[in-house]
C-alpha cells in the first residue's frame, strides 16, 4: 500500500533539522522506497525544504487580499506531483510545521480534502507530530517571534502575550489531535514526545525514522546544522522594543537580529533564567494535564502524565527599565537604521565609481594598443 507521511511539527520541535536530514540523505531514502521531494512551488520566504507547505500555504497580493485561485493551483500541482511519485516510490514524506498551526486556526478542511484525495487515488495517510511540554513550547514560540521580528506578537510583551489567550499555536494538544484523527483515524496519527529523554536512543533522527517505519543505520549522515539559539535576558527585551519601531525594515531587522544575538550569547548565565516562575509554570501546565493524560492513553497506550512534570528550579527573568531607557533603545535603533541607509548609499556610489574606473581603464588600454600599432589601426579603419 502506498503511504503519504505528513510530518506537521509542532513548531519548535527540530522540524527544520529533520527536513534537512531527509534531503541530505535522499539517495538512501530512495533505496528504501521513500522520497522527500522538493517541489517547484514558490512560497518565498518559506524555505523549499518545507515541502508540505502547499497543503496549507496562503498567498496575498500587495493589498493583503488572499490569492485563492493561485493557492488552489499550487495545491493541485503539489498533489499531482505526489501522485506521480507514487509510481516510483511506495512512501512519500511531506513536512511543514505550519500544518499544525494551520489546523489549529482555520484550516481543518485541509484534512478532509486530503483524505478524499487519498481514497480516490488509493494511498494511506500517516501523520507524525512531535509534542513539547506546553510551558517550554509557548516560551520558545514567543521568544522566536521576538527574535525574528516583523511578525505577529514580535513586539508584544511576555505578560501581555500570556494574558491575551490568543496564541494560535494549539496548546490544547488533545483537541487539536482530535480534529485530525476524526478525519483520518486515530490509528494513523503517530504522536511522538519532544525531548532527548523520549527519543529512541536519545536521537530525534532515529526517533523520526522509527515513526516512518525505517531502520536507522550508520549510513545516514547527520550534517552540522546551525543552531537556532533563543535570546536570553535583556537581549530579548531590547529586540522586542526595537520590533515596535513602525519604520523597521527587513534589512534593519536582520541587522538588529544578528547584533542582539551576539549580545545574548555574551552572557550564557542568562540561560538559567525562565519566562515562567516555578509556580507559574506549574499552574500553566495544570490547564493541560487532563488532555495530556488522554493523549498518553489513547495515542501512546500508557497511563499517567504525557510529560515529565518536574519543573526545574530557575529564576524568573523580569524586565526592569525606565521609560527613558526605552526611549534610548528606540533612539539608538533609529541612529543605526540611518547609518545603514547612508552606508548603502555610499556603497552604491562606490560601486558606480568602480564601474566607471574599469571603463576608463578599458579605454586607456585600447588607446595604448592603437598608439603601439598605428598602421594596424589605420588599416583596420580602412577595411570598414
Protein backbone atom coordinates (compact mmCIF):
# COMPACT_ATOMS: atom_id res chain seq x y z
CA UNK A 1 0.00 0.00 0.00
CA UNK A 2 1.28 3.48 -0.86
CA UNK A 3 1.68 5.78 2.13
CA UNK A 4 1.85 9.55 2.40
CA UNK A 5 3.64 10.56 5.62
CA UNK A 6 2.75 14.09 6.70
CA UNK A 7 5.08 15.48 9.36
CA UNK A 8 3.30 18.50 10.88
CA UNK A 9 5.68 19.77 13.57
CA UNK A 10 4.74 21.14 16.04
CA UNK A 11 6.83 24.32 15.75
CA UNK A 12 9.98 24.44 17.89
CA UNK A 13 10.49 20.66 17.81
CA UNK A 14 13.54 20.46 15.49
CA UNK A 15 11.34 20.22 12.40
CA UNK A 16 13.85 22.12 10.25
CA UNK A 17 16.66 19.75 11.26
CA UNK A 18 14.56 16.74 10.24
CA UNK A 19 13.71 18.33 6.92
CA UNK A 20 17.36 18.96 6.07
CA UNK A 21 18.28 15.48 7.28
CA UNK A 22 15.84 13.92 4.82
CA UNK A 23 17.20 15.99 1.93
CA UNK A 24 20.83 15.25 2.88
CA UNK A 25 20.12 11.50 2.81
CA UNK A 26 17.75 11.42 -0.15
CA UNK A 27 19.63 8.71 -2.06
CA UNK A 28 19.46 6.31 0.89
CA UNK A 29 15.78 7.09 1.31
CA UNK A 30 15.24 6.28 -2.36
CA UNK A 31 16.94 2.91 -1.91
CA UNK A 32 14.42 2.12 0.81
CA UNK A 33 11.43 3.15 -1.25
CA UNK A 34 10.94 6.61 0.31
CA UNK A 35 11.09 10.06 -1.26
CA UNK A 36 11.33 13.53 0.24
CA UNK A 37 10.55 15.66 -2.82
CA UNK A 38 11.48 19.29 -3.30
CA UNK A 39 8.57 20.81 -5.18
CA UNK A 40 8.72 23.64 -7.75
CA UNK A 41 6.17 25.71 -5.82
CA UNK A 42 7.25 29.13 -4.58
CA UNK A 43 6.12 30.44 -1.20
CA UNK A 44 9.07 32.79 -0.60
CA UNK A 45 10.39 33.35 2.06
CA UNK A 46 9.28 29.85 3.13
CA UNK A 47 12.24 27.51 2.62
CA UNK A 48 11.84 24.85 -0.06
CA UNK A 49 12.69 22.04 2.39
CA UNK A 50 9.25 22.70 3.89
CA UNK A 51 7.84 20.61 1.07
CA UNK A 52 4.39 20.19 2.63
CA UNK A 53 3.63 23.89 2.73
CA UNK A 54 1.47 23.74 -0.38
CA UNK A 55 -1.15 21.88 1.68
CA UNK A 56 -1.92 24.98 3.77
CA UNK A 57 0.05 27.83 2.18
CA UNK A 58 -1.64 31.21 1.83
CA UNK A 59 -0.74 33.88 -0.71
CA UNK A 60 -1.56 37.59 -0.60
CA UNK A 61 -1.40 40.46 -3.06
CA UNK A 62 0.09 43.90 -2.30
CA UNK A 63 -3.16 44.94 -0.62
CA UNK A 64 -3.16 41.83 1.61
CA UNK A 65 -6.03 40.15 -0.22
CA UNK A 66 -5.93 36.35 -0.50
CA UNK A 67 -4.88 35.00 -3.91
CA UNK A 68 -7.14 31.97 -3.58
CA UNK A 69 -7.06 30.80 -7.25
CA UNK A 70 -3.25 30.65 -7.08
CA UNK A 71 -3.40 28.81 -3.73
CA UNK A 72 -5.74 26.23 -5.26
CA UNK A 73 -3.46 25.90 -8.28
CA UNK A 74 -0.45 25.23 -6.03
CA UNK A 75 -2.40 22.68 -4.01
CA UNK A 76 -3.43 20.84 -7.15
CA UNK A 77 0.08 20.94 -8.61
CA UNK A 78 1.64 19.66 -5.40
CA UNK A 79 -0.75 16.73 -5.06
CA UNK A 80 -0.38 15.80 -8.72
CA UNK A 81 3.39 15.63 -8.26
CA UNK A 82 2.97 13.43 -5.18
CA UNK A 83 0.64 11.10 -7.07
CA UNK A 84 3.16 10.84 -9.88
CA UNK A 85 5.95 9.99 -7.44
CA UNK A 86 3.89 7.11 -6.06
CA UNK A 87 4.51 5.34 -9.36
CA UNK A 88 8.19 5.16 -8.38
CA UNK A 89 8.17 5.15 -4.57
CA UNK A 90 5.91 3.43 -2.05
CA UNK A 91 6.32 6.17 0.55
CA UNK A 92 6.32 9.94 0.20
CA UNK A 93 7.27 12.28 3.07
CA UNK A 94 5.89 15.82 3.32
CA UNK A 95 6.86 18.11 6.17
CA UNK A 96 5.81 21.54 7.34
CA UNK A 97 5.33 22.82 10.90
CA UNK A 98 2.79 25.32 9.62
CA UNK A 99 0.32 22.46 9.10
CA UNK A 100 -0.10 22.14 12.87
CA UNK A 101 -0.78 25.84 13.43
CA UNK A 102 -2.94 25.99 10.30
CA UNK A 103 -5.09 23.15 11.60
CA UNK A 104 -5.38 24.92 14.95
CA UNK A 105 -6.58 28.18 13.44
CA UNK A 106 -8.77 27.75 10.37
CA UNK A 107 -7.64 25.00 8.03
CA UNK A 108 -9.24 21.83 9.35
CA UNK A 109 -10.89 21.34 5.96
CA UNK A 110 -7.45 20.55 4.54
CA UNK A 111 -7.58 17.11 6.17
CA UNK A 112 -10.99 16.37 4.68
CA UNK A 113 -9.75 17.29 1.21
CA UNK A 114 -6.55 15.30 1.60
CA UNK A 115 -8.43 12.24 2.88
CA UNK A 116 -10.73 12.39 -0.14
CA UNK A 117 -7.72 12.52 -2.48
CA UNK A 118 -6.16 9.54 -0.69
CA UNK A 119 -9.31 7.48 -1.03
CA UNK A 120 -9.66 8.28 -4.73
CA UNK A 121 -6.01 7.55 -5.50
CA UNK A 122 -5.61 4.57 -3.17
CA UNK A 123 -2.92 5.71 -0.73
CA UNK A 124 -2.85 5.88 3.08
CA UNK A 125 -2.16 8.98 5.16
CA UNK A 126 0.04 8.74 8.24
CA UNK A 127 0.59 11.84 10.37
CA UNK A 128 3.70 12.34 12.51
CA UNK A 129 3.56 15.02 15.18
CA UNK A 130 6.01 15.94 17.92
CA UNK A 131 4.59 17.43 21.12
CA UNK A 132 6.62 19.50 23.56
CA UNK A 133 5.63 20.30 27.13
CA UNK A 134 3.36 23.32 26.88
CA UNK A 135 5.34 25.72 29.07
CA UNK A 136 8.51 25.05 27.06
CA UNK A 137 6.63 25.25 23.77
CA UNK A 138 4.97 28.61 24.38
CA UNK A 139 8.14 30.18 25.85
CA UNK A 140 10.21 29.12 22.85
CA UNK A 141 7.50 30.17 20.39
CA UNK A 142 7.21 33.71 21.79
CA UNK A 143 10.99 34.00 22.04
CA UNK A 144 11.41 33.17 18.37
CA UNK A 145 8.69 35.63 17.35
CA UNK A 146 10.57 38.40 19.13
CA UNK A 147 13.94 37.26 17.81
CA UNK A 148 12.82 37.18 14.17
CA UNK A 149 10.78 40.39 14.35
CA UNK A 150 8.24 41.79 11.87
CA UNK A 151 5.75 39.07 12.84
CA UNK A 152 2.62 38.82 14.91
CA UNK A 153 3.42 39.12 18.64
CA UNK A 154 7.03 40.15 17.93
CA UNK A 155 6.55 43.44 19.80
CA UNK A 156 4.11 42.07 22.41
CA UNK A 157 5.44 41.75 25.95
CA UNK A 158 5.56 38.29 27.52
CA UNK A 159 2.98 39.19 30.15
CA UNK A 160 0.57 40.70 27.62
CA UNK A 161 1.04 37.69 25.37
CA UNK A 162 0.17 35.26 28.15
CA UNK A 163 -2.87 37.30 29.15
CA UNK A 164 -4.18 37.59 25.60
CA UNK A 165 -5.14 33.88 25.32
CA UNK A 166 -4.85 34.22 21.54
CA UNK A 167 -1.76 32.16 20.93
CA UNK A 168 -3.00 30.37 17.80
CA UNK A 169 -0.50 27.54 18.31
CA UNK A 170 -2.76 24.81 19.64
CA UNK A 171 -1.72 24.27 23.24
CA UNK A 172 -4.71 22.01 23.92
CA UNK A 173 -2.98 19.16 22.14
CA UNK A 174 -5.75 16.64 22.65
CA UNK A 175 -8.39 18.85 21.00
CA UNK A 176 -6.13 19.60 18.03
CA UNK A 177 -5.22 15.95 17.52
CA UNK A 178 -8.91 15.05 17.59
CA UNK A 179 -9.53 17.35 14.60
CA UNK A 180 -7.08 15.25 12.60
CA UNK A 181 -7.89 11.79 13.95
CA UNK A 182 -11.63 12.33 13.39
CA UNK A 183 -10.84 12.54 9.67
CA UNK A 184 -8.01 10.07 9.06
CA UNK A 185 -8.36 7.77 12.09
CA UNK A 186 -6.57 7.78 15.41
CA UNK A 187 -4.51 4.77 14.37
CA UNK A 188 -2.95 6.88 11.62
CA UNK A 189 -1.74 9.65 13.93
CA UNK A 190 1.73 8.92 15.33
CA UNK A 191 2.36 11.06 18.40
CA UNK A 192 5.98 11.49 19.48
CA UNK A 193 7.22 13.39 22.52
CA UNK A 194 9.90 16.03 22.05
CA UNK A 195 12.83 15.73 24.40
CA UNK A 196 16.05 13.76 24.45
CA UNK A 197 14.73 11.55 27.24
CA UNK A 198 11.83 10.46 24.99
CA UNK A 199 13.72 9.92 21.71
CA UNK A 200 14.79 6.48 20.60
CA UNK A 201 18.42 6.15 21.69
CA UNK A 202 18.21 9.85 22.61
CA UNK A 203 18.31 10.77 18.91
CA UNK A 204 15.49 12.63 17.20
CA UNK A 205 16.66 11.27 13.84
CA UNK A 206 16.33 7.66 14.98
CA UNK A 207 13.04 8.52 16.62
CA UNK A 208 11.69 10.05 13.41
CA UNK A 209 12.80 7.05 11.38
CA UNK A 210 11.02 4.73 13.78
CA UNK A 211 7.81 6.68 13.10
CA UNK A 212 8.44 6.28 9.37
CA UNK A 213 8.97 2.54 9.74
CA UNK A 214 12.60 2.81 8.68
CA UNK A 215 15.72 1.37 10.26
CA UNK A 216 18.34 3.96 11.17
CA UNK A 217 21.86 2.84 10.24
CA UNK A 218 25.37 4.31 10.23
CA UNK A 219 24.97 5.02 6.52
CA UNK A 220 22.81 8.03 7.21
CA UNK A 221 24.72 11.28 7.58
CA UNK A 222 23.86 13.95 10.12
CA UNK A 223 25.23 17.25 8.87
CA UNK A 224 26.33 20.01 11.20
CA UNK A 225 23.40 22.37 11.41
CA UNK A 226 23.34 25.97 12.55
CA UNK A 227 21.73 26.18 15.97
CA UNK A 228 18.70 28.40 16.25
CA UNK A 229 19.59 29.91 19.60
CA UNK A 230 16.95 31.68 21.64
CA UNK A 231 17.51 35.12 23.15
CA UNK A 232 18.01 35.49 26.87
CA UNK A 233 17.87 38.19 29.50
CA UNK A 234 17.94 41.84 28.47
CA UNK A 235 18.64 40.89 24.85
CA UNK A 236 15.12 39.65 24.22
CA UNK A 237 13.54 42.78 25.70
CA UNK A 238 15.81 45.09 23.68
CA UNK A 239 14.84 43.25 20.49
CA UNK A 240 11.14 43.41 21.41
CA UNK A 241 11.35 47.19 21.85
CA UNK A 242 13.17 47.56 18.53
CA UNK A 243 10.44 45.46 16.87
CA UNK A 244 7.89 48.12 17.88
CA UNK A 245 9.50 50.73 15.61
CA UNK A 246 6.96 51.46 12.83
CA UNK A 247 9.67 52.05 10.21
CA UNK A 248 11.56 48.81 10.90
CA UNK A 249 12.55 47.37 7.52
CA UNK A 250 13.70 43.91 6.51
CA UNK A 251 17.39 44.81 6.39
CA UNK A 252 17.29 46.77 9.62
CA UNK A 253 15.55 43.88 11.36
CA UNK A 254 18.19 41.44 10.10
CA UNK A 255 20.94 43.76 11.37
CA UNK A 256 19.37 44.03 14.84
CA UNK A 257 18.77 40.28 14.98
CA UNK A 258 22.41 39.49 14.30
CA UNK A 259 23.76 42.06 16.75
CA UNK A 260 21.35 41.20 19.55
CA UNK A 261 22.16 37.51 19.10
CA UNK A 262 25.78 38.30 19.93
CA UNK A 263 24.70 40.34 22.96
CA UNK A 264 22.65 37.39 24.22
CA UNK A 265 25.43 34.86 23.62
CA UNK A 266 27.89 37.02 25.58
CA UNK A 267 26.01 36.25 28.80
CA UNK A 268 25.43 32.47 28.88
CA UNK A 269 24.48 32.71 32.56
CA UNK A 270 21.12 34.15 31.45
CA UNK A 271 20.19 30.72 30.07
CA UNK A 272 19.41 29.66 33.61
CA UNK A 273 16.54 32.14 33.79
CA UNK A 274 12.97 31.42 32.70
CA UNK A 275 9.98 33.38 31.46
CA UNK A 276 7.85 31.49 33.99
CA UNK A 277 8.41 31.32 37.72
CA UNK A 278 8.25 27.76 39.07
CA UNK A 279 4.80 28.46 40.49
CA UNK A 280 3.55 29.99 37.24
CA UNK A 281 4.85 27.06 35.21
CA UNK A 282 3.05 24.59 37.47
CA UNK A 283 -0.24 26.49 37.23
CA UNK A 284 0.10 26.83 33.46
CA UNK A 285 0.76 23.12 32.92
CA UNK A 286 -2.17 22.12 35.10
CA UNK A 287 -4.55 23.59 32.49
CA UNK A 288 -3.49 20.91 30.01
CA UNK A 289 -2.82 17.97 32.31
CA UNK A 290 -6.10 16.11 31.75
CA UNK A 291 -5.89 16.43 27.97
CA UNK A 292 -2.27 15.31 28.00
CA UNK A 293 -3.21 12.21 30.01
CA UNK A 294 -5.84 11.35 27.39
CA UNK A 295 -3.15 11.56 24.70
CA UNK A 296 -0.96 9.23 26.74
CA UNK A 297 -3.79 6.72 26.99
CA UNK A 298 -5.31 6.95 23.52
CA UNK A 299 -2.27 7.55 21.31
CA UNK A 300 0.64 6.06 23.25
CA UNK A 301 -1.14 3.30 25.16
CA UNK A 302 0.18 4.32 28.56
CA UNK A 303 -1.02 5.73 31.85
CA UNK A 304 -0.10 8.82 33.79
CA UNK A 305 1.27 12.12 32.56
CA UNK A 306 2.35 12.64 28.96
CA UNK A 307 5.42 14.59 30.04
CA UNK A 308 7.78 14.59 32.97
CA UNK A 309 6.13 17.24 35.14
CA UNK A 310 9.26 18.08 37.11
CA UNK A 311 9.82 21.83 36.96
CA UNK A 312 13.45 22.85 37.08
CA UNK A 313 14.49 25.32 39.70
CA UNK A 314 15.06 28.54 37.81
CA UNK A 315 14.83 32.27 38.37
CA UNK A 316 12.14 34.16 36.52
CA UNK A 317 13.59 36.90 34.35
CA UNK A 318 11.73 40.17 34.86
CA UNK A 319 12.42 43.17 32.59
CA UNK A 320 13.37 46.25 34.58
CA UNK A 321 13.86 49.54 32.77
CA UNK A 322 12.58 53.09 32.80
CA UNK A 323 10.71 54.96 30.07
CA UNK A 324 13.90 56.93 29.45
CA UNK A 325 15.85 53.72 28.83
CA UNK A 326 13.18 52.50 26.41
CA UNK A 327 13.40 55.80 24.53
CA UNK A 328 17.18 55.41 24.42
CA UNK A 329 16.84 51.97 22.79
CA UNK A 330 14.49 53.43 20.16
CA UNK A 331 16.90 56.36 19.60
CA UNK A 332 19.88 54.05 19.08
CA UNK A 333 17.77 51.91 16.77
CA UNK A 334 16.89 54.91 14.62
CA UNK A 335 20.52 56.01 14.51
CA UNK A 336 21.58 52.51 13.41
CA UNK A 337 18.95 52.48 10.65
CA UNK A 338 20.03 55.89 9.36
CA UNK A 339 23.67 54.81 9.36
CA UNK A 340 22.78 51.63 7.48
CA UNK A 341 20.91 53.62 4.82
CA UNK A 342 23.78 56.07 4.47
CA UNK A 343 26.23 53.17 4.20
CA UNK A 344 24.16 51.65 1.40
CA UNK A 345 24.15 54.95 -0.49
CA UNK A 346 27.92 55.24 -0.14
CA UNK A 347 28.38 51.64 -1.25
CA UNK A 348 26.20 52.25 -4.28
CA UNK A 349 28.25 55.32 -5.22
CA UNK A 350 31.47 53.37 -4.72
CA UNK A 351 30.18 50.57 -6.97
CA UNK A 352 29.34 53.13 -9.66
CA UNK A 353 32.78 54.72 -9.35
CA UNK A 354 34.46 51.31 -9.65
CA UNK A 355 32.45 50.57 -12.80
CA UNK A 356 33.48 53.91 -14.25
CA UNK A 357 37.11 53.28 -13.32
CA UNK A 358 37.01 49.90 -15.11
CA UNK A 359 35.50 51.58 -18.17
CA UNK A 360 38.23 54.25 -18.20
CA UNK A 361 40.93 51.59 -17.82
CA UNK A 362 39.47 49.72 -20.78
CA UNK A 363 39.51 52.90 -22.90
CA UNK A 364 43.12 53.61 -21.92
CA UNK A 365 44.19 50.05 -22.80
CA UNK A 366 42.53 50.40 -26.21
CA UNK A 367 44.26 53.74 -26.76
CA UNK A 368 47.63 52.27 -25.81
CA UNK A 369 47.11 49.46 -28.31
CA UNK A 370 46.28 51.94 -31.08
CA UNK A 371 49.34 54.05 -30.32
CA UNK A 372 51.56 50.96 -30.27
CA UNK A 373 50.21 49.65 -33.59
CA UNK A 374 49.23 52.75 -35.62
CA UNK A 375 49.44 51.10 -39.05
CA UNK A 376 47.25 48.19 -37.97
CA UNK A 377 44.74 50.67 -36.56
CA UNK A 378 44.62 52.69 -39.81
CA UNK A 379 44.25 49.58 -41.98
CA UNK A 380 41.52 48.33 -39.70
CA UNK A 381 39.58 51.56 -40.22
CA UNK A 382 40.19 51.45 -43.98
CA UNK A 383 38.69 47.97 -44.20
CA UNK A 384 35.39 49.07 -42.63
